[in-house]
Amino acid sequence: MKTATIIGSGLVGSLWASYLAREGYTVNVFERRPDLRKTSMSAGKSINLATSYRGWKALDAIGVGDAIRTIAIPMYGRTLHDLDEQTHFQPYGIKGQAIFSVSRGEINGKLMDLAEQTGKVQIRFNCECISAEPELAKATFKDHETGEVFSHQSDVMFATDGAFSAVRYQSFMKLDRFSFSQNYIADGYREILLPANADGSYKLEKNSLHIWPRGRFMLIALPNEDGSFTCTLFMPFEGDKFGFNNLNSAEKVNEFFSSTFPDFYKLMPDIAEAWDRHPLSSLAIIRCYPWFYGKTILMGDAAHATVPFFGQGMNCGFEDCTVLWELMKAHGEDWKKIGEAYQVARKPNGDAVQDLSLQNYLVMRDKVNDPSFQLLQRVERRMSELYPEKYFPLYSMVSFTDIEYQVALAKGNEQESHIKQFIRQYAITEATTQHQLDEWIHASLGQTLITH
């Protein structure tokens, strides 16, 4: 009998359990927290997630994608909310391409259900990992319900226990030449639940990600199934005119929202009352290496935690599952070969998705309102429409293909440079007609501008 231990029943751990079960493993999953399926959880409990191509590929590979689609809402682009209360829609891709809003709690619960339904996965809750021996695939736990301390060993072990992984802290951190960095960005976030209208309808356009870009900070909103929106305000903790430290009274909260997000304030005039319902939280990027030692592998946030600004944290973690699964088949379940190949393949992409996330924060909070950036996007989108097999904007490469993150990052930056040169070469402006723009794009086909 083949056995596996997974520490952490979050998104990646629950999905990976299903992968292993389908390969004939008996899987024991240990989770420090209570079973979230038995806990009342509001839609705004945590940042909503955006499922895109890589995530769907991982889910569909083992036939669970359709079960998740029942709780996913397509978002075909971003709606920008200006200070003057005007809105502008920017599509994400072409021909109806979309990313999908899902509640973290709902998708995690479904993935747990699907794993248990295989009949080969058992999840134990309230069991905290207090030590680990990666070379033996062995871990020791404390059951917080009974007080029992016990050990569990298997053929192979996976740490999917998040950014502050106990397995990584208890064991990998003690290894010789283990590299580790933990960097917090200057901004934090606070969530706000924008409720549905009295009749259950949405107060904003349902099939869009809404952004209130304000240069140094921003507010975003993603739709939930019940007509509400999970909204998140990203802003400096302190040291700025607009910082969380300055919003320390109901009057200041109301003044801030009414002056900075006037259309949102009209939708939620009781914002000050809801302000403290969710905690102020921080955002960190964690990098480490190696991800494999002995008989233990780090996956998801335990290996490459990132900030949420490209919506790729979950998708990248799910892609870890896809890559590991393919390596299992390629190396006949020789876990030493699998682990070594996995970390070599995924580490550069883990780094790249972190760089992409930070880069996209600047785009979302500032550049989307910049006329020169909007012109660049117009040109990019038209190139993609005219030559969809030959030109992929950076966002499309990341969200609508499985091109490696490191390749997408390098190619995207290269293409942006080429497009800026193209715009200068033809003196393109917002006044340039579509017909004229198309002629220039056709004339450029075959030059370095059009890339794959």
Protein backbone atom coordinates (compact mmCIF):
# COMPACT_ATOMS: atom_id res chain seq x y z
CA MET A 1 0.00 0.00 0.00
CA LYS A 2 1.32 3.44 -0.99
CA THR A 3 0.91 6.09 1.72
CA ALA A 4 1.23 9.87 1.78
CA THR A 5 0.95 12.57 4.42
CA ILE A 6 -0.23 16.10 3.61
CA ILE A 7 0.15 18.82 6.22
CA GLY A 8 -2.39 21.57 5.58
CA SER A 9 -5.90 21.07 4.17
CA GLY A 10 -6.03 24.39 2.34
CA LEU A 11 -6.56 24.79 -1.37
CA VAL A 12 -3.38 23.11 -2.60
CA GLY A 13 -3.37 20.38 0.05
CA SER A 14 -6.98 19.39 -0.62
CA LEU A 15 -6.50 19.29 -4.40
CA TRP A 16 -3.21 17.40 -4.13
CA ALA A 17 -4.91 14.82 -1.91
CA SER A 18 -7.29 14.04 -4.77
CA TYR A 19 -4.39 13.71 -7.20
CA LEU A 20 -2.59 11.25 -4.92
CA ALA A 21 -5.76 9.26 -4.22
CA ARG A 22 -6.29 8.80 -7.94
CA GLU A 23 -2.76 7.43 -8.20
CA GLY A 24 -3.55 4.78 -5.60
CA TYR A 25 -2.20 6.44 -2.44
CA THR A 26 -3.83 6.26 0.95
CA VAL A 27 -3.63 9.87 2.10
CA ASN A 28 -3.74 11.33 5.61
CA VAL A 29 -4.23 15.09 5.77
CA PHE A 30 -3.59 17.01 9.01
CA GLU A 31 -4.97 20.50 9.55
CA ARG A 32 -4.22 22.86 12.45
CA ARG A 33 -7.57 24.67 12.24
CA PRO A 34 -11.13 23.38 12.74
CA ASP A 35 -13.11 22.11 9.76
CA LEU A 36 -14.14 25.27 7.90
CA ARG A 37 -17.15 23.44 6.45
CA LYS A 38 -18.65 23.33 9.93
CA THR A 39 -17.87 26.94 10.76
CA SER A 40 -20.04 29.90 9.84
CA MET A 41 -18.03 31.88 7.32
CA SER A 42 -19.10 35.18 5.77
CA ALA A 43 -18.41 35.87 2.11
CA GLY A 44 -15.90 38.49 3.11
CA LYS A 45 -13.92 36.25 5.43
CA SER A 46 -10.89 36.30 3.17
CA ILE A 47 -9.84 37.76 -0.15
CA ASN A 48 -11.85 36.26 -2.98
CA LEU A 49 -9.81 34.29 -5.45
CA ALA A 50 -9.61 34.53 -9.22
CA THR A 51 -9.42 31.20 -11.01
CA SER A 52 -7.79 31.35 -14.43
CA TYR A 53 -6.41 28.93 -17.02
CA ARG A 54 -3.73 27.25 -14.91
CA GLY A 55 -6.17 26.63 -12.08
CA TRP A 56 -8.83 25.17 -14.37
CA LYS A 57 -6.22 22.97 -16.06
CA ALA A 58 -5.24 21.47 -12.70
CA LEU A 59 -8.86 20.98 -11.65
CA ASP A 60 -9.98 19.52 -14.98
CA ALA A 61 -7.03 17.10 -15.11
CA ILE A 62 -8.67 15.00 -12.41
CA GLY A 63 -12.28 15.79 -13.34
CA VAL A 64 -13.23 18.22 -10.56
CA GLY A 65 -13.34 21.44 -12.59
CA ASP A 66 -17.07 21.32 -13.29
CA ALA A 67 -17.84 20.96 -9.59
CA ILE A 68 -15.92 24.20 -8.95
CA ARG A 69 -17.51 26.01 -11.90
CA THR A 70 -20.86 25.80 -10.13
CA ILE A 71 -19.59 28.31 -7.55
CA ALA A 72 -17.50 30.50 -9.90
CA ILE A 73 -18.56 33.84 -11.40
CA PRO A 74 -16.93 34.94 -14.69
CA MET A 75 -15.30 38.38 -14.76
CA TYR A 76 -14.67 39.53 -18.32
CA GLY A 77 -12.58 42.55 -17.42
CA ARG A 78 -11.95 45.31 -14.92
CA THR A 79 -14.28 48.24 -14.35
CA LEU A 80 -12.38 51.35 -13.28
CA HIS A 81 -14.14 53.81 -10.96
CA ASP A 82 -12.81 57.37 -11.29
CA LEU A 83 -12.89 60.03 -8.60
CA ASP A 84 -15.58 61.86 -10.61
CA GLU A 85 -17.74 58.69 -10.40
CA GLN A 86 -17.30 57.82 -14.07
CA THR A 87 -16.58 54.19 -14.95
CA HIS A 88 -14.50 52.63 -17.73
CA PHE A 89 -14.43 48.95 -18.70
CA GLN A 90 -11.20 47.26 -19.80
CA PRO A 91 -11.63 43.68 -21.10
CA TYR A 92 -9.11 41.11 -19.89
CA GLY A 93 -8.74 39.26 -23.14
CA ILE A 94 -10.46 38.73 -26.47
CA LYS A 95 -13.58 36.81 -27.51
CA GLY A 96 -15.11 36.68 -24.05
CA GLN A 97 -12.09 35.44 -22.10
CA ALA A 98 -12.66 35.68 -18.36
CA ILE A 99 -11.17 34.97 -14.98
CA PHE A 100 -13.55 33.59 -12.35
CA SER A 101 -14.34 34.90 -8.87
CA VAL A 102 -14.64 32.18 -6.22
CA SER A 103 -15.02 32.34 -2.47
CA ARG A 104 -11.96 30.92 -0.74
CA GLY A 105 -14.11 29.15 1.82
CA GLU A 106 -16.46 27.62 -0.74
CA ILE A 107 -13.79 26.30 -3.09
CA ASN A 108 -11.73 24.96 -0.17
CA GLY A 109 -14.78 23.18 1.23
CA LYS A 110 -15.62 21.62 -2.12
CA LEU A 111 -12.06 20.43 -2.64
CA MET A 112 -12.13 18.78 0.79
CA ASP A 113 -15.42 17.07 -0.09
CA LEU A 114 -14.07 15.86 -3.41
CA ALA A 115 -10.91 14.50 -1.78
CA GLU A 116 -12.87 12.60 0.88
CA GLN A 117 -15.24 11.21 -1.77
CA THR A 118 -12.34 9.28 -3.31
CA GLY A 119 -12.52 6.98 -0.28
CA LYS A 120 -8.73 7.14 0.13
CA VAL A 121 -8.34 10.49 1.90
CA GLN A 122 -8.84 11.15 5.62
CA ILE A 123 -8.63 14.71 6.98
CA ARG A 124 -7.95 15.28 10.67
CA PHE A 125 -8.61 18.75 12.03
CA ASN A 126 -7.29 20.64 15.06
CA CYS A 127 -3.98 18.80 14.67
CA GLU A 128 -1.01 21.14 14.82
CA CYS A 129 2.35 20.05 13.42
CA ILE A 130 4.90 20.57 16.20
CA SER A 131 7.90 18.86 14.58
CA ALA A 132 8.86 17.21 11.33
CA GLU A 133 11.53 14.83 10.06
CA PRO A 134 11.55 15.34 6.29
CA GLU A 135 14.08 12.60 5.60
CA LEU A 136 11.66 10.07 7.13
CA ALA A 137 8.37 11.61 5.90
CA LYS A 138 7.43 11.77 9.57
CA ALA A 139 5.72 14.50 11.59
CA THR A 140 4.52 14.93 15.15
CA PHE A 141 1.22 16.59 15.95
CA LYS A 142 -0.72 17.92 18.90
CA ASP A 143 -4.47 17.33 18.82
CA HIS A 144 -5.95 20.50 20.32
CA GLU A 145 -9.26 18.80 21.08
CA THR A 146 -7.86 15.88 23.09
CA GLY A 147 -4.41 17.17 24.02
CA GLU A 148 -2.87 14.02 22.53
CA VAL A 149 0.61 14.25 21.02
CA PHE A 150 1.24 11.67 18.30
CA SER A 151 3.49 10.94 15.33
CA HIS A 152 2.60 9.85 11.82
CA GLN A 153 4.88 8.42 9.13
CA SER A 154 4.31 7.55 5.49
CA ASP A 155 6.14 6.87 2.24
CA VAL A 156 6.17 10.55 1.24
CA MET A 157 5.14 13.83 2.87
CA PHE A 158 3.94 17.17 1.48
CA ALA A 159 3.88 20.53 3.26
CA THR A 160 0.97 22.60 1.99
CA ASP A 161 0.56 24.52 5.24
CA GLY A 162 0.82 28.03 3.90
CA ALA A 163 3.10 31.04 4.02
CA PHE A 164 4.03 30.41 7.66
CA SER A 165 4.53 26.68 7.16
CA ALA A 166 5.25 24.73 10.33
CA VAL A 167 7.06 22.05 8.34
CA ARG A 168 9.35 24.59 6.75
CA TYR A 169 9.94 26.31 10.11
CA GLN A 170 10.39 23.13 12.15
CA SER A 171 12.67 21.29 9.76
CA PHE A 172 13.75 22.89 6.48
CA MET A 173 14.94 26.06 8.26
CA LYS A 174 17.44 23.91 10.15
CA LEU A 175 19.01 22.43 7.04
CA ASP A 176 22.47 23.46 5.94
CA ARG A 177 22.37 25.93 3.02
CA PHE A 178 18.60 26.42 3.20
CA SER A 179 17.87 29.89 1.80
CA PHE A 180 14.93 31.87 3.14
CA SER A 181 13.57 35.41 2.94
CA GLN A 182 10.37 36.96 4.24
CA ASN A 183 9.58 40.47 3.02
CA TYR A 184 6.49 42.46 3.93
CA ILE A 185 5.31 45.16 1.54
CA ALA A 186 4.53 48.59 3.01
CA ASP A 187 0.81 48.20 2.38
CA GLY A 188 -1.77 46.25 4.32
CA TYR A 189 -5.35 45.39 3.53
CA ARG A 190 -8.75 45.47 5.15
CA GLU A 191 -11.80 43.70 3.76
CA ILE A 192 -15.30 45.11 3.51
CA LEU A 193 -18.42 43.19 2.56
CA LEU A 194 -20.68 45.21 0.27
CA PRO A 195 -24.10 43.57 0.75
CA ALA A 196 -26.59 42.84 -2.03
CA ASN A 197 -29.63 45.01 -2.63
CA ALA A 198 -32.73 44.17 -0.62
CA ASP A 199 -34.02 42.04 -3.51
CA GLY A 200 -30.74 40.12 -3.72
CA SER A 201 -29.49 41.90 -6.83
CA TYR A 202 -25.97 43.23 -7.27
CA LYS A 203 -25.14 46.87 -6.54
CA LEU A 204 -22.39 46.79 -9.15
CA GLU A 205 -21.94 45.03 -12.49
CA LYS A 206 -21.73 41.35 -11.58
CA ASN A 207 -19.34 40.05 -14.24
CA SER A 208 -16.45 42.39 -13.63
CA LEU A 209 -13.64 43.00 -11.19
CA HIS A 210 -14.13 46.53 -9.90
CA ILE A 211 -11.15 48.77 -9.14
CA TRP A 212 -10.97 52.23 -7.61
CA PRO A 213 -7.34 53.13 -8.51
CA ARG A 214 -5.98 56.08 -6.56
CA GLY A 215 -2.29 56.18 -7.40
CA ARG A 216 -0.67 55.06 -4.15
CA PHE A 217 -3.52 52.79 -3.04
CA MET A 218 -6.72 51.16 -4.31
CA LEU A 219 -10.02 49.51 -3.49
CA ILE A 220 -11.18 46.41 -5.36
CA ALA A 221 -14.44 44.41 -5.39
CA LEU A 222 -15.14 40.83 -6.53
CA PRO A 223 -18.64 39.35 -6.84
CA ASN A 224 -20.09 36.62 -4.63
CA GLU A 225 -22.93 34.26 -5.48
CA ASP A 226 -25.34 35.86 -3.00
CA GLY A 227 -25.28 39.28 -4.69
CA SER A 228 -22.67 40.74 -2.38
CA PHE A 229 -19.13 41.85 -3.22
CA THR A 230 -16.00 41.11 -1.26
CA CYS A 231 -14.15 44.43 -1.29
CA THR A 232 -10.55 44.95 -0.24
CA LEU A 233 -8.81 48.22 0.50
CA PHE A 234 -5.04 48.11 -0.05
CA MET A 235 -3.24 51.06 1.50
CA PRO A 236 -0.05 51.97 3.41
CA PHE A 237 -0.07 51.11 7.10
CA GLU A 238 1.47 54.47 7.95
CA GLY A 239 3.80 57.21 6.75
CA ASP A 240 1.38 58.47 4.12
CA LYS A 241 -1.49 60.96 4.02
CA PHE A 242 -3.72 58.04 3.11
CA GLY A 243 -2.69 55.40 5.61
CA PHE A 244 -4.61 53.00 7.79
CA ASN A 245 -3.16 54.64 10.90
CA ASN A 246 -5.09 57.83 10.03
CA LEU A 247 -8.48 56.10 9.81
CA ASN A 248 -8.91 55.82 13.58
CA SER A 249 -12.46 57.10 14.02
CA ALA A 250 -15.86 56.72 12.36
CA GLU A 251 -15.73 60.35 11.26
CA LYS A 252 -12.38 59.87 9.54
CA VAL A 253 -13.54 56.66 7.84
CA ASN A 254 -16.63 58.40 6.49
CA GLU A 255 -14.64 61.42 5.38
CA PHE A 256 -12.07 59.22 3.64
CA PHE A 257 -14.61 57.13 1.70
CA SER A 258 -16.93 60.01 0.80
CA SER A 259 -14.03 62.05 -0.63
CA THR A 260 -11.90 59.25 -2.10
CA PHE A 261 -14.46 56.67 -3.29
CA PRO A 262 -17.67 58.76 -3.59
CA ASP A 263 -19.65 56.28 -5.69
CA PHE A 264 -18.77 53.42 -3.34
CA TYR A 265 -19.71 55.54 -0.32
CA LYS A 266 -23.16 56.13 -1.83
CA LEU A 267 -23.58 52.35 -2.14
CA MET A 268 -22.44 51.78 1.44
CA PRO A 269 -23.05 54.88 3.59
CA ASP A 270 -22.70 52.74 6.73
CA ILE A 271 -19.08 51.92 5.90
CA ALA A 272 -17.86 53.22 9.27
CA GLU A 273 -20.06 50.70 11.10
CA ALA A 274 -18.62 47.83 9.04
CA TRP A 275 -15.01 49.08 9.23
CA ASP A 276 -13.88 46.89 12.13
CA ARG A 277 -15.69 43.69 11.13
CA HIS A 278 -12.56 42.39 9.42
CA PRO A 279 -9.01 42.79 10.72
CA LEU A 280 -6.26 44.88 9.23
CA SER A 281 -3.84 42.39 7.69
CA SER A 282 -0.35 42.41 6.21
CA LEU A 283 1.09 41.06 2.97
CA ALA A 284 4.37 39.17 2.61
CA ILE A 285 6.45 37.53 -0.10
CA ILE A 286 8.31 34.42 1.02
CA ARG A 287 11.13 32.88 -0.97
CA CYS A 288 13.05 29.77 -0.03
CA TYR A 289 15.09 26.90 -1.43
CA PRO A 290 15.33 23.92 -1.60
CA TRP A 291 11.70 22.82 -1.75
CA PHE A 292 12.58 19.13 -1.48
CA TYR A 293 14.53 17.21 1.13
CA GLY A 294 14.56 13.51 1.97
CA LYS A 295 10.97 12.37 1.43
CA THR A 296 9.26 15.76 1.87
CA ILE A 297 8.18 18.41 -0.64
CA LEU A 298 7.02 22.01 -0.10
CA MET A 299 4.09 23.13 -2.25
CA GLY A 300 1.96 26.24 -2.73
CA ASP A 301 2.46 29.11 -0.31
CA ALA A 302 4.81 27.02 1.83
CA ALA A 303 7.25 27.25 -1.10
CA HIS A 304 6.41 30.54 -2.82
CA ALA A 305 3.90 32.75 -0.97
CA THR A 306 3.08 35.89 -2.92
CA VAL A 307 0.89 38.99 -2.78
CA PRO A 308 -2.54 38.83 -4.47
CA PHE A 309 -2.21 41.47 -7.19
CA PHE A 310 -2.11 39.20 -10.24
CA GLY A 311 -4.63 36.73 -8.84
CA GLN A 312 -2.13 33.90 -9.33
CA GLY A 313 -1.41 32.61 -5.83
CA MET A 314 -3.98 29.81 -5.99
CA ASN A 315 -3.40 29.19 -9.69
CA CYS A 316 0.34 28.85 -9.16
CA GLY A 317 -0.24 26.45 -6.27
CA PHE A 318 -2.61 24.38 -8.37
CA GLU A 319 -0.03 24.34 -11.16
CA ASP A 320 2.41 22.82 -8.63
CA CYS A 321 -0.02 19.88 -8.51
CA THR A 322 -0.09 19.59 -12.31
CA VAL A 323 3.70 19.64 -12.57
CA LEU A 324 4.21 17.15 -9.73
CA TRP A 325 1.62 14.80 -11.22
CA GLU A 326 3.33 14.89 -14.61
CA LEU A 327 6.69 14.23 -12.96
CA MET A 328 5.20 11.28 -11.04
CA LYS A 329 4.28 9.68 -14.34
CA ALA A 330 7.60 10.58 -15.99
CA HIS A 331 9.75 9.18 -13.16
CA GLY A 332 7.72 6.16 -12.13
CA GLU A 333 7.03 7.58 -8.65
CA ASP A 334 10.72 7.73 -7.78
CA TRP A 335 10.29 10.54 -5.28
CA LYS A 336 13.95 11.53 -5.19
CA LYS A 337 13.94 12.16 -8.92
CA ILE A 338 10.50 13.77 -8.76
CA GLY A 339 11.44 16.14 -5.94
CA GLU A 340 14.67 17.25 -7.54
CA ALA A 341 13.04 17.83 -10.93
CA TYR A 342 10.08 19.62 -9.34
CA GLN A 343 12.09 22.23 -7.48
CA VAL A 344 14.37 22.91 -10.47
CA ALA A 345 11.33 23.41 -12.70
CA ARG A 346 9.16 25.41 -10.28
CA LYS A 347 11.52 27.64 -8.29
CA PRO A 348 12.15 30.12 -11.16
CA ASN A 349 8.41 30.27 -11.80
CA GLY A 350 7.65 30.82 -8.13
CA ASP A 351 10.03 33.78 -8.17
CA ALA A 352 8.51 35.07 -11.41
CA VAL A 353 4.92 35.00 -10.15
CA GLN A 354 6.02 37.05 -7.15
CA ASP A 355 7.66 39.61 -9.42
CA LEU A 356 4.56 39.67 -11.64
CA SER A 357 2.33 40.22 -8.61
CA LEU A 358 4.32 43.23 -7.41
CA GLN A 359 4.49 44.63 -10.93
CA ASN A 360 0.73 44.31 -11.41
CA TYR A 361 0.03 46.17 -8.17
CA LEU A 362 1.52 49.27 -9.78
CA VAL A 363 -0.65 48.64 -12.84
CA MET A 364 -3.88 48.22 -10.87
CA ARG A 365 -3.52 51.11 -8.44
CA ASP A 366 -1.97 53.66 -10.80
CA LYS A 367 -1.19 52.83 -14.43
CA VAL A 368 -4.73 51.77 -15.43
CA ASN A 369 -5.71 55.46 -15.27
CA ASP A 370 -2.66 56.68 -17.17
CA PRO A 371 -3.57 57.73 -20.76
CA SER A 372 -0.24 56.47 -22.12
CA PHE A 373 -0.82 53.06 -20.49
CA GLN A 374 -4.37 52.96 -21.83
CA LEU A 375 -3.03 53.67 -25.32
CA LEU A 376 -0.48 50.88 -24.94
CA GLN A 377 -3.28 48.52 -23.90
CA ARG A 378 -5.39 49.56 -26.88
CA VAL A 379 -2.55 48.74 -29.26
CA GLU A 380 -1.79 45.46 -27.47
CA ARG A 381 -5.41 44.36 -27.53
CA ARG A 382 -5.75 45.11 -31.23
CA MET A 383 -2.60 43.17 -32.05
CA SER A 384 -3.97 40.23 -30.12
CA GLU A 385 -7.33 40.47 -31.93
CA LEU A 386 -5.73 40.63 -35.38
CA TYR A 387 -3.05 38.00 -34.72
CA PRO A 388 -4.26 35.85 -31.80
CA GLU A 389 -1.87 33.02 -32.65
CA LYS A 390 1.14 35.29 -32.87
CA TYR A 391 0.78 37.95 -30.18
CA PHE A 392 0.02 37.36 -26.50
CA PRO A 393 -0.14 40.32 -24.11
CA LEU A 394 1.49 39.69 -20.73
CA TYR A 395 -1.87 39.44 -18.96
CA SER A 396 -3.07 36.86 -21.47
CA MET A 397 0.11 34.80 -21.17
CA VAL A 398 -0.28 34.66 -17.40
CA SER A 399 -4.06 34.24 -17.14
CA PHE A 400 -5.12 32.42 -20.31
CA THR A 401 -2.20 30.08 -21.09
CA ASP A 402 0.20 27.83 -19.22
CA ILE A 403 3.30 29.52 -20.64
CA GLU A 404 5.82 29.40 -17.81
CA TYR A 405 5.63 32.42 -15.52
CA GLN A 406 9.32 33.16 -16.00
CA VAL A 407 8.89 33.17 -19.78
CA ALA A 408 5.76 35.33 -19.59
CA LEU A 409 7.51 37.87 -17.37
CA ALA A 410 10.54 38.18 -19.63
CA LYS A 411 8.50 38.19 -22.84
CA GLY A 412 5.93 40.63 -21.46
CA ASN A 413 8.55 43.18 -20.48
CA GLU A 414 10.23 42.78 -23.86
CA GLN A 415 6.95 43.24 -25.71
CA GLU A 416 6.06 46.37 -23.75
CA SER A 417 9.33 47.91 -24.87
CA HIS A 418 8.58 46.99 -28.50
CA ILE A 419 5.06 48.42 -28.37
CA LYS A 420 6.27 51.72 -26.92
CA GLN A 421 8.73 51.90 -29.81
CA PHE A 422 5.91 51.06 -32.26
CA ILE A 423 3.73 53.85 -30.83
CA ARG A 424 6.58 56.35 -31.14
CA GLN A 425 7.46 55.18 -34.66
CA TYR A 426 3.97 55.85 -36.00
CA ALA A 427 3.15 58.74 -33.61
CA ILE A 428 0.02 56.87 -32.49
CA THR A 429 -2.39 58.77 -30.23
CA GLU A 430 -5.88 58.21 -28.88
CA ALA A 431 -7.11 60.07 -31.98
CA THR A 432 -5.59 57.47 -34.32
CA THR A 433 -8.38 55.72 -36.17
CA GLN A 434 -8.88 51.99 -35.91
CA HIS A 435 -8.38 51.63 -39.67
CA GLN A 436 -5.05 53.42 -39.56
CA LEU A 437 -3.90 51.47 -36.50
CA ASP A 438 -4.77 48.20 -38.22
CA GLU A 439 -2.75 49.15 -41.30
CA TRP A 440 0.32 49.87 -39.19
CA ILE A 441 -0.07 46.61 -37.25
CA HIS A 442 -0.35 44.63 -40.50
CA ALA A 443 2.74 46.40 -41.83
CA SER A 444 4.67 45.36 -38.73
CA LEU A 445 3.82 41.67 -38.97
CA GLY A 446 6.96 39.58 -39.20
CA GLN A 447 9.13 42.15 -37.47
CA THR A 448 10.37 41.78 -33.90
CA LEU A 449 7.25 43.47 -32.61
CA ILE A 450 5.07 40.45 -33.30
CA THR A 451 6.36 37.69 -31.05
CA HIS A 452 5.36 34.31 -29.72
